[in-house]
Structure formats: structure tokens, C-alpha cells
């Protein structure tokens, strides 16, 4: 939803576009993935995933409720931090306990589901935008993140990721 609607929302806020917001997003994501690349390892997959989902929800709520350019930028920073952690943490969670011989299948399934989710999410949020405005798109995204956190809380603690056997 962020990628699909940030530019339209930025224009509603009186900005010329969302180029600066996307730059902020990119800088935060790359910085955290490079400088904080071990955060998911230190926190563990479930805690890192929960942290990512919380940051996503907080960032999207900030964007949706603080209807000013400053709200867009502040929310983008928090959202981007969550996004930077989400993919590696959730992928770690998906492969935890998976035999080495099946990991590529799990990774392929995980990324395919993520891609389908991005497409379906953008389409569904288009209906939200038409019915309730762009602010509601971000609030709906925050609710989806909270729903994910609720489901994650019911996932048993993952087993450790076992190293692949040498061939």
C-alpha cells in the first residue's frame, strides 16, 4: 500500500510528489539492512518479526493520522525500519527447522506469497482509497500489520536453523 499510494497521498498533502519520501524510505531500508544486518539474528526470528510488524503498524498509523508532510516523513522512517527488518526476519521464521534439502522450496514459496500479497494488497487498498480516502489506506495497512502480529503470537517458538550438510 505504501508504494502504491504514497505518491497520491503526497500530492493530497500539497507536495509535488513522493520522491523525497521514497528517498527517505530507501535510505532507511538500505542503512538498516547493511548496518543492522545482524538484528534479526540477535533478536531471533519471532521477536524480530514481531518488532518489524509493530514498526510497520506504527509507521503506517503515523502516516494515516498525521495528515501533514512531516507525518508522511516521520511515518516513512518508522515504516521503513519495519520493512527493513520484516523480510529477513519473516524469511528466517519460515526456514527455521526446515531441512536443508527443502529450504530453497520454502524460500521460493515465501517470496511467491509475498509477491502475490503485494499485488492483492494494492488492489484491495485501491477499494479502501476509493471508499474512504488515502489516509484510510495507511490505517488499513496498519491493521493488517497488527493482524499479522496477532497471528505471529500464536506461532510456536521456532526451532534453530540447522546448517546444511556438506556434500
N, C-alpha and C. Protein backbone atom coordinates (compact mmCIF):
# COMPACT_ATOMS: atom_id res chain seq x y z
N UNK A 1 0.80 -1.19 0.00
CA UNK A 1 0.00 0.00 0.00
C UNK A 1 0.84 1.27 0.00
N UNK A 2 1.95 1.23 0.74
CA UNK A 2 2.81 2.41 0.80
C UNK A 2 3.31 2.75 -0.61
N UNK A 3 3.87 1.77 -1.29
CA UNK A 3 4.42 2.02 -2.62
C UNK A 3 3.36 2.47 -3.61
N UNK A 4 2.17 1.89 -3.49
CA UNK A 4 1.11 2.20 -4.44
C UNK A 4 0.47 3.56 -4.20
N UNK A 5 0.41 4.02 -2.94
CA UNK A 5 -0.39 5.20 -2.62
C UNK A 5 0.38 6.39 -2.05
N UNK A 6 1.67 6.23 -1.75
CA UNK A 6 2.42 7.34 -1.16
C UNK A 6 2.46 8.55 -2.08
N UNK A 7 2.64 8.34 -3.37
CA UNK A 7 2.73 9.48 -4.30
C UNK A 7 1.41 10.22 -4.38
N UNK A 8 0.31 9.49 -4.44
CA UNK A 8 -1.01 10.13 -4.50
C UNK A 8 -1.31 10.88 -3.19
N UNK A 9 -0.97 10.26 -2.09
CA UNK A 9 -1.19 10.88 -0.78
C UNK A 9 -0.32 12.14 -0.63
N UNK A 10 0.93 12.07 -1.09
CA UNK A 10 1.82 13.23 -1.00
C UNK A 10 1.23 14.42 -1.76
N UNK A 11 0.64 14.19 -2.90
CA UNK A 11 0.00 15.28 -3.66
C UNK A 11 -1.19 15.85 -2.89
N UNK A 12 -1.95 14.98 -2.22
CA UNK A 12 -3.05 15.46 -1.37
C UNK A 12 -2.55 16.35 -0.24
N UNK A 13 -1.32 16.09 0.21
CA UNK A 13 -0.73 16.89 1.30
C UNK A 13 -0.11 18.18 0.78
N UNK A 14 -0.16 18.39 -0.52
CA UNK A 14 0.38 19.62 -1.10
C UNK A 14 1.81 19.50 -1.59
N UNK A 15 2.37 18.31 -1.56
CA UNK A 15 3.74 18.11 -2.07
C UNK A 15 3.69 17.91 -3.58
N UNK A 16 4.82 18.12 -4.23
CA UNK A 16 4.91 17.92 -5.68
C UNK A 16 4.93 16.44 -6.04
N UNK A 17 5.20 15.60 -5.11
CA UNK A 17 5.28 14.16 -5.33
C UNK A 17 5.88 13.51 -4.10
N UNK A 18 6.16 12.24 -4.22
CA UNK A 18 6.69 11.49 -3.07
C UNK A 18 8.14 11.09 -3.25
N UNK A 19 8.84 11.73 -4.18
CA UNK A 19 10.24 11.39 -4.43
C UNK A 19 11.09 11.46 -3.17
N UNK A 20 10.91 12.50 -2.38
CA UNK A 20 11.70 12.64 -1.15
C UNK A 20 11.32 11.57 -0.14
N UNK A 21 10.04 11.23 -0.06
CA UNK A 21 9.61 10.18 0.87
C UNK A 21 10.18 8.82 0.44
N UNK A 22 10.20 8.55 -0.84
CA UNK A 22 10.78 7.29 -1.32
C UNK A 22 12.29 7.27 -1.10
N UNK A 23 12.94 8.43 -1.22
CA UNK A 23 14.37 8.50 -0.93
C UNK A 23 14.63 8.20 0.55
N UNK A 24 13.84 8.80 1.43
CA UNK A 24 13.97 8.53 2.87
C UNK A 24 13.75 7.04 3.13
N UNK A 25 12.69 6.49 2.54
CA UNK A 25 12.40 5.06 2.69
C UNK A 25 13.61 4.22 2.28
N UNK A 26 14.14 4.49 1.11
CA UNK A 26 15.26 3.71 0.59
C UNK A 26 16.50 3.83 1.46
N UNK A 27 16.81 5.05 1.90
CA UNK A 27 17.98 5.24 2.74
C UNK A 27 17.86 4.49 4.07
N UNK A 28 16.69 4.53 4.66
CA UNK A 28 16.49 3.82 5.94
C UNK A 28 16.59 2.31 5.72
N UNK A 29 15.92 1.79 4.71
CA UNK A 29 15.95 0.35 4.46
C UNK A 29 17.38 -0.12 4.20
N UNK A 30 18.09 0.54 3.31
CA UNK A 30 19.45 0.12 2.98
C UNK A 30 20.37 0.26 4.20
N UNK A 31 20.23 1.35 4.94
CA UNK A 31 21.08 1.55 6.12
C UNK A 31 20.86 0.44 7.15
N UNK A 32 19.62 0.11 7.42
CA UNK A 32 19.35 -0.92 8.42
C UNK A 32 19.78 -2.29 7.91
N UNK A 33 19.56 -2.57 6.65
CA UNK A 33 19.95 -3.88 6.13
C UNK A 33 21.46 -4.04 6.03
N UNK A 34 22.19 -2.94 5.90
CA UNK A 34 23.65 -3.02 5.86
C UNK A 34 24.23 -2.92 7.27
N UNK A 35 23.87 -1.86 7.98
CA UNK A 35 24.47 -1.63 9.30
C UNK A 35 23.83 -2.49 10.39
N UNK A 36 22.58 -2.82 10.23
CA UNK A 36 21.89 -3.61 11.24
C UNK A 36 21.55 -5.00 10.76
N UNK A 37 22.35 -5.52 9.86
CA UNK A 37 22.03 -6.80 9.22
C UNK A 37 21.94 -7.96 10.20
N UNK A 38 22.54 -7.83 11.37
CA UNK A 38 22.51 -8.92 12.35
C UNK A 38 21.38 -8.78 13.38
N UNK A 39 20.59 -7.73 13.26
CA UNK A 39 19.49 -7.53 14.22
C UNK A 39 18.55 -8.73 14.27
N UNK A 40 18.09 -9.26 13.12
CA UNK A 40 17.21 -10.43 13.20
C UNK A 40 17.89 -11.64 13.86
N UNK A 41 19.20 -11.80 13.66
CA UNK A 41 19.92 -12.90 14.30
C UNK A 41 19.96 -12.70 15.82
N UNK A 42 20.22 -11.48 16.24
CA UNK A 42 20.31 -11.20 17.67
C UNK A 42 18.96 -11.33 18.37
N UNK A 43 17.92 -10.84 17.72
CA UNK A 43 16.59 -10.89 18.33
C UNK A 43 15.94 -12.26 18.21
N UNK A 44 16.32 -13.00 17.21
CA UNK A 44 15.65 -14.25 16.89
C UNK A 44 14.53 -13.97 15.92
N UNK A 45 14.14 -14.98 15.13
CA UNK A 45 13.17 -14.73 14.06
C UNK A 45 11.80 -14.27 14.54
N UNK A 46 11.30 -14.84 15.63
CA UNK A 46 9.95 -14.47 16.07
C UNK A 46 9.93 -13.08 16.67
N UNK A 47 10.89 -12.76 17.52
CA UNK A 47 10.94 -11.42 18.12
C UNK A 47 11.24 -10.35 17.08
N UNK A 48 12.13 -10.65 16.14
CA UNK A 48 12.44 -9.69 15.08
C UNK A 48 11.21 -9.47 14.18
N UNK A 49 10.47 -10.53 13.89
CA UNK A 49 9.25 -10.40 13.09
C UNK A 49 8.21 -9.56 13.82
N UNK A 50 8.05 -9.80 15.11
CA UNK A 50 7.09 -9.02 15.90
C UNK A 50 7.49 -7.55 15.94
N UNK A 51 8.78 -7.29 16.11
CA UNK A 51 9.28 -5.91 16.12
C UNK A 51 9.01 -5.25 14.77
N UNK A 52 9.28 -5.97 13.70
CA UNK A 52 9.06 -5.43 12.35
C UNK A 52 7.58 -5.10 12.14
N UNK A 53 6.70 -6.01 12.53
CA UNK A 53 5.26 -5.77 12.35
C UNK A 53 4.79 -4.58 13.19
N UNK A 54 5.33 -4.44 14.39
CA UNK A 54 4.97 -3.29 15.23
C UNK A 54 5.44 -1.98 14.59
N UNK A 55 6.66 -1.97 14.08
CA UNK A 55 7.18 -0.76 13.41
C UNK A 55 6.35 -0.43 12.16
N UNK A 56 5.99 -1.45 11.40
CA UNK A 56 5.15 -1.22 10.22
C UNK A 56 3.83 -0.58 10.63
N UNK A 57 3.20 -1.12 11.66
CA UNK A 57 1.91 -0.59 12.11
C UNK A 57 2.03 0.83 12.64
N UNK A 58 3.06 1.11 13.41
CA UNK A 58 3.26 2.46 13.95
C UNK A 58 3.53 3.46 12.83
N UNK A 59 4.39 3.08 11.89
CA UNK A 59 4.70 3.98 10.78
C UNK A 59 3.48 4.29 9.92
N UNK A 60 2.73 3.25 9.59
CA UNK A 60 1.53 3.45 8.75
C UNK A 60 0.46 4.24 9.50
N UNK A 61 0.32 4.00 10.79
CA UNK A 61 -0.64 4.78 11.59
C UNK A 61 -0.23 6.24 11.63
N UNK A 62 1.05 6.49 11.78
CA UNK A 62 1.55 7.87 11.79
C UNK A 62 1.21 8.57 10.47
N UNK A 63 1.47 7.89 9.37
CA UNK A 63 1.17 8.48 8.06
C UNK A 63 -0.33 8.73 7.92
N UNK A 64 -1.15 7.78 8.35
CA UNK A 64 -2.58 7.89 8.18
C UNK A 64 -3.25 8.91 9.08
N UNK A 65 -2.69 9.15 10.26
CA UNK A 65 -3.33 10.07 11.21
C UNK A 65 -2.73 11.47 11.22
N UNK A 66 -1.45 11.59 10.93
CA UNK A 66 -0.77 12.90 10.96
C UNK A 66 -0.76 13.41 9.52
N UNK A 67 -1.80 14.10 9.13
CA UNK A 67 -2.03 14.49 7.74
C UNK A 67 -1.27 15.76 7.36
N UNK A 68 0.03 15.69 7.52
CA UNK A 68 0.94 16.77 7.16
C UNK A 68 2.17 16.14 6.50
N UNK A 69 2.93 16.90 5.72
CA UNK A 69 4.16 16.35 5.16
C UNK A 69 5.09 15.77 6.24
N UNK A 70 5.17 16.44 7.39
CA UNK A 70 6.02 15.91 8.47
C UNK A 70 5.55 14.53 8.91
N UNK A 71 4.25 14.30 8.92
CA UNK A 71 3.71 12.99 9.28
C UNK A 71 4.08 11.93 8.26
N UNK A 72 4.05 12.32 6.99
CA UNK A 72 4.46 11.39 5.94
C UNK A 72 5.91 10.99 6.12
N UNK A 73 6.79 11.96 6.37
CA UNK A 73 8.22 11.66 6.51
C UNK A 73 8.51 10.89 7.80
N UNK A 74 7.93 11.31 8.91
CA UNK A 74 8.17 10.61 10.19
C UNK A 74 7.65 9.17 10.10
N UNK A 75 6.44 9.01 9.57
CA UNK A 75 5.88 7.67 9.43
C UNK A 75 6.69 6.81 8.48
N UNK A 76 7.22 7.43 7.43
CA UNK A 76 8.03 6.70 6.47
C UNK A 76 9.29 6.15 7.11
N UNK A 77 9.93 6.93 7.98
CA UNK A 77 11.14 6.46 8.66
C UNK A 77 10.82 5.21 9.49
N UNK A 78 9.75 5.27 10.27
CA UNK A 78 9.38 4.14 11.13
C UNK A 78 8.94 2.95 10.28
N UNK A 79 8.11 3.20 9.28
CA UNK A 79 7.65 2.15 8.37
C UNK A 79 8.84 1.48 7.68
N UNK A 80 9.78 2.27 7.20
CA UNK A 80 10.96 1.73 6.50
C UNK A 80 11.80 0.86 7.43
N UNK A 81 11.92 1.25 8.69
CA UNK A 81 12.65 0.42 9.66
C UNK A 81 11.97 -0.93 9.79
N UNK A 82 10.65 -0.92 9.87
CA UNK A 82 9.91 -2.18 9.94
C UNK A 82 10.07 -3.00 8.68
N UNK A 83 10.02 -2.35 7.54
CA UNK A 83 10.17 -3.04 6.27
C UNK A 83 11.56 -3.65 6.15
N UNK A 84 12.57 -2.93 6.61
CA UNK A 84 13.94 -3.43 6.54
C UNK A 84 14.12 -4.71 7.35
N UNK A 85 13.43 -4.80 8.46
CA UNK A 85 13.53 -5.99 9.32
C UNK A 85 12.57 -7.10 8.90
N UNK A 86 11.43 -6.75 8.32
CA UNK A 86 10.37 -7.72 8.08
C UNK A 86 10.79 -8.86 7.17
N UNK A 87 11.32 -8.56 6.02
CA UNK A 87 11.61 -9.63 5.07
C UNK A 87 12.64 -10.61 5.62
N UNK A 88 13.79 -10.14 6.11
CA UNK A 88 14.75 -11.12 6.64
C UNK A 88 14.23 -11.88 7.86
N UNK A 89 13.51 -11.19 8.74
CA UNK A 89 13.02 -11.85 9.96
C UNK A 89 11.95 -12.89 9.62
N UNK A 90 11.00 -12.54 8.77
CA UNK A 90 9.96 -13.49 8.40
C UNK A 90 10.51 -14.65 7.58
N UNK A 91 11.50 -14.38 6.75
CA UNK A 91 12.12 -15.46 5.99
C UNK A 91 12.87 -16.40 6.93
N UNK A 92 13.56 -15.86 7.93
CA UNK A 92 14.22 -16.72 8.93
C UNK A 92 13.19 -17.59 9.63
N UNK A 93 12.07 -17.01 9.98
CA UNK A 93 11.00 -17.75 10.65
C UNK A 93 10.48 -18.87 9.74
N UNK A 94 10.35 -18.58 8.46
CA UNK A 94 9.84 -19.57 7.51
C UNK A 94 10.79 -20.76 7.36
N UNK A 95 12.09 -20.52 7.36
CA UNK A 95 13.04 -21.62 7.14
C UNK A 95 13.49 -22.28 8.43
N UNK A 96 13.15 -21.72 9.58
CA UNK A 96 13.57 -22.32 10.85
C UNK A 96 13.03 -23.75 10.94
N UNK A 97 13.92 -24.66 11.23
CA UNK A 97 13.52 -26.05 11.38
C UNK A 97 13.32 -26.81 10.09
N UNK A 98 13.49 -26.13 8.97
CA UNK A 98 13.33 -26.78 7.67
C UNK A 98 14.61 -27.53 7.32
N UNK A 99 14.49 -28.79 6.89
CA UNK A 99 15.70 -29.49 6.47
C UNK A 99 16.39 -28.75 5.32
N UNK A 100 17.70 -28.82 5.28
CA UNK A 100 18.48 -28.12 4.26
C UNK A 100 18.01 -28.45 2.85
N UNK A 101 17.57 -29.68 2.65
CA UNK A 101 17.15 -30.10 1.31
C UNK A 101 15.84 -29.44 0.86
N UNK A 102 15.11 -28.80 1.78
CA UNK A 102 13.84 -28.18 1.44
C UNK A 102 13.84 -26.66 1.55
N UNK A 103 14.96 -26.08 1.94
CA UNK A 103 15.00 -24.63 2.16
C UNK A 103 14.71 -23.82 0.91
N UNK A 104 15.25 -24.23 -0.23
CA UNK A 104 15.00 -23.44 -1.45
C UNK A 104 13.52 -23.46 -1.81
N UNK A 105 12.85 -24.56 -1.55
CA UNK A 105 11.41 -24.63 -1.79
C UNK A 105 10.66 -23.68 -0.86
N UNK A 106 11.08 -23.62 0.40
CA UNK A 106 10.44 -22.72 1.37
C UNK A 106 10.69 -21.26 0.97
N UNK A 107 11.91 -20.94 0.59
CA UNK A 107 12.23 -19.57 0.18
C UNK A 107 11.43 -19.19 -1.05
N UNK A 108 11.34 -20.08 -2.03
CA UNK A 108 10.56 -19.80 -3.24
C UNK A 108 9.08 -19.59 -2.93
N UNK A 109 8.54 -20.44 -2.07
CA UNK A 109 7.13 -20.30 -1.69
C UNK A 109 6.90 -19.01 -0.92
N UNK A 110 7.80 -18.70 0.00
CA UNK A 110 7.69 -17.48 0.80
C UNK A 110 7.70 -16.24 -0.09
N UNK A 111 8.66 -16.16 -1.00
CA UNK A 111 8.76 -14.97 -1.85
C UNK A 111 7.58 -14.89 -2.83
N UNK A 112 7.11 -16.03 -3.32
CA UNK A 112 5.94 -16.01 -4.21
C UNK A 112 4.71 -15.50 -3.47
N UNK A 113 4.53 -15.95 -2.24
CA UNK A 113 3.39 -15.48 -1.44
C UNK A 113 3.52 -13.98 -1.15
N UNK A 114 4.73 -13.52 -0.88
CA UNK A 114 4.94 -12.09 -0.65
C UNK A 114 4.58 -11.28 -1.89
N UNK A 115 5.00 -11.76 -3.05
CA UNK A 115 4.68 -11.06 -4.31
C UNK A 115 3.18 -11.01 -4.56
N UNK A 116 2.50 -12.13 -4.33
CA UNK A 116 1.04 -12.18 -4.51
C UNK A 116 0.38 -11.24 -3.50
N UNK A 117 0.89 -11.23 -2.27
CA UNK A 117 0.35 -10.34 -1.25
C UNK A 117 0.49 -8.87 -1.62
N UNK A 118 1.63 -8.51 -2.20
CA UNK A 118 1.83 -7.12 -2.63
C UNK A 118 0.79 -6.74 -3.69
N UNK A 119 0.55 -7.64 -4.63
CA UNK A 119 -0.40 -7.36 -5.71
C UNK A 119 -1.83 -7.28 -5.17
N UNK A 120 -2.23 -8.27 -4.40
CA UNK A 120 -3.59 -8.29 -3.86
C UNK A 120 -3.80 -7.13 -2.89
N UNK A 121 -2.78 -6.85 -2.08
CA UNK A 121 -2.90 -5.75 -1.13
C UNK A 121 -3.12 -4.42 -1.82
N UNK A 122 -2.37 -4.16 -2.88
CA UNK A 122 -2.53 -2.89 -3.60
C UNK A 122 -3.92 -2.80 -4.23
N UNK A 123 -4.41 -3.89 -4.79
CA UNK A 123 -5.75 -3.88 -5.38
C UNK A 123 -6.83 -3.66 -4.31
N UNK A 124 -6.72 -4.38 -3.21
CA UNK A 124 -7.71 -4.23 -2.13
C UNK A 124 -7.67 -2.82 -1.55
N UNK A 125 -6.47 -2.29 -1.38
CA UNK A 125 -6.35 -0.95 -0.82
C UNK A 125 -6.84 0.12 -1.79
N UNK A 126 -6.87 -0.20 -3.07
CA UNK A 126 -7.49 0.72 -4.02
C UNK A 126 -8.96 0.91 -3.70
N UNK A 127 -9.63 -0.16 -3.32
CA UNK A 127 -11.03 -0.06 -2.89
C UNK A 127 -11.17 0.76 -1.63
N UNK A 128 -10.24 0.59 -0.71
CA UNK A 128 -10.25 1.39 0.53
C UNK A 128 -10.07 2.87 0.20
N UNK A 129 -9.13 3.16 -0.70
CA UNK A 129 -8.87 4.56 -1.09
C UNK A 129 -10.11 5.18 -1.74
N UNK A 130 -10.77 4.42 -2.60
CA UNK A 130 -11.96 4.94 -3.28
C UNK A 130 -13.10 5.20 -2.29
N UNK A 131 -13.20 4.34 -1.28
CA UNK A 131 -14.30 4.46 -0.33
C UNK A 131 -14.03 5.46 0.79
N UNK A 132 -12.79 5.54 1.25
CA UNK A 132 -12.53 6.31 2.47
C UNK A 132 -11.33 7.26 2.39
N UNK A 133 -10.64 7.33 1.27
CA UNK A 133 -9.52 8.26 1.13
C UNK A 133 -8.17 7.61 1.40
N UNK A 134 -7.14 8.33 1.02
CA UNK A 134 -5.78 7.80 1.11
C UNK A 134 -5.33 7.56 2.55
N UNK A 135 -5.77 8.39 3.48
CA UNK A 135 -5.39 8.18 4.88
C UNK A 135 -5.81 6.79 5.33
N UNK A 136 -6.99 6.37 4.89
CA UNK A 136 -7.52 5.06 5.29
C UNK A 136 -6.70 3.90 4.73
N UNK A 137 -6.05 4.12 3.60
CA UNK A 137 -5.18 3.09 3.03
C UNK A 137 -4.08 2.75 4.03
N UNK A 138 -3.46 3.77 4.60
CA UNK A 138 -2.36 3.55 5.52
C UNK A 138 -2.86 2.96 6.84
N UNK A 139 -4.03 3.38 7.28
CA UNK A 139 -4.60 2.83 8.50
C UNK A 139 -5.01 1.36 8.30
N UNK A 140 -5.52 1.03 7.12
CA UNK A 140 -5.85 -0.36 6.82
C UNK A 140 -4.58 -1.21 6.79
N UNK A 141 -3.51 -0.66 6.24
CA UNK A 141 -2.23 -1.36 6.24
C UNK A 141 -1.72 -1.59 7.66
N UNK A 142 -1.92 -0.60 8.52
CA UNK A 142 -1.52 -0.76 9.92
C UNK A 142 -2.33 -1.88 10.58
N UNK A 143 -3.62 -1.93 10.30
CA UNK A 143 -4.45 -3.01 10.84
C UNK A 143 -3.99 -4.38 10.33
N UNK A 144 -3.60 -4.45 9.08
CA UNK A 144 -3.09 -5.71 8.52
C UNK A 144 -1.81 -6.13 9.23
N UNK A 145 -0.95 -5.16 9.54
CA UNK A 145 0.28 -5.47 10.27
C UNK A 145 -0.04 -5.97 11.67
N UNK A 146 -1.01 -5.35 12.31
CA UNK A 146 -1.42 -5.80 13.65
C UNK A 146 -2.04 -7.19 13.59
N UNK A 147 -2.79 -7.47 12.54
CA UNK A 147 -3.35 -8.81 12.37
C UNK A 147 -2.23 -9.84 12.21
N UNK A 148 -1.21 -9.46 11.47
CA UNK A 148 -0.04 -10.33 11.33
C UNK A 148 0.64 -10.58 12.66
N UNK A 149 0.76 -9.54 13.47
CA UNK A 149 1.37 -9.70 14.79
C UNK A 149 0.52 -10.61 15.67
N UNK A 150 -0.80 -10.48 15.57
CA UNK A 150 -1.72 -11.34 16.33
C UNK A 150 -1.52 -12.80 15.92
N UNK A 151 -1.43 -13.07 14.62
CA UNK A 151 -1.20 -14.43 14.15
C UNK A 151 0.18 -14.94 14.55
N UNK A 152 1.17 -14.07 14.48
CA UNK A 152 2.53 -14.44 14.85
C UNK A 152 2.61 -14.86 16.31
N UNK A 153 1.84 -14.21 17.17
CA UNK A 153 1.85 -14.55 18.59
C UNK A 153 1.39 -15.99 18.82
N UNK A 154 0.64 -16.54 17.89
CA UNK A 154 0.15 -17.91 18.03
C UNK A 154 1.08 -18.95 17.43
N UNK A 155 2.14 -18.50 16.77
CA UNK A 155 3.12 -19.41 16.18
C UNK A 155 4.04 -19.92 17.29
N UNK A 156 4.24 -21.24 17.36
CA UNK A 156 5.16 -21.73 18.39
C UNK A 156 6.57 -21.23 18.15
N UNK A 157 7.34 -21.22 19.20
CA UNK A 157 8.73 -20.77 19.09
C UNK A 157 9.45 -21.63 18.07
N UNK A 158 10.12 -21.00 17.10
CA UNK A 158 10.78 -21.78 16.05
C UNK A 158 12.00 -22.54 16.58
N UNK A 159 12.27 -23.65 15.95
CA UNK A 159 13.49 -24.37 16.26
C UNK A 159 14.65 -23.67 15.57
N UNK A 160 15.84 -23.98 15.96
CA UNK A 160 17.02 -23.34 15.36
C UNK A 160 17.18 -23.77 13.92
N UNK A 161 17.80 -22.90 13.16
CA UNK A 161 18.11 -23.23 11.77
C UNK A 161 19.37 -24.08 11.79
N UNK A 162 19.26 -25.25 11.21
CA UNK A 162 20.38 -26.18 11.19
C UNK A 162 21.24 -25.92 9.96
N UNK A 163 22.58 -26.00 10.11
CA UNK A 163 23.44 -25.79 8.94
C UNK A 163 23.23 -26.88 7.90
N UNK A 164 23.45 -26.52 6.63
CA UNK A 164 23.34 -27.51 5.57
C UNK A 164 24.47 -28.50 5.70
N UNK A 165 24.19 -29.74 5.33
CA UNK A 165 25.22 -30.78 5.39
C UNK A 165 26.16 -30.58 4.21
N UNK A 166 27.46 -30.87 4.46
CA UNK A 166 28.45 -30.74 3.40
C UNK A 166 28.26 -31.85 2.38
N UNK A 167 28.42 -31.51 1.12
CA UNK A 167 28.23 -32.51 0.06
C UNK A 167 29.51 -33.23 -0.21
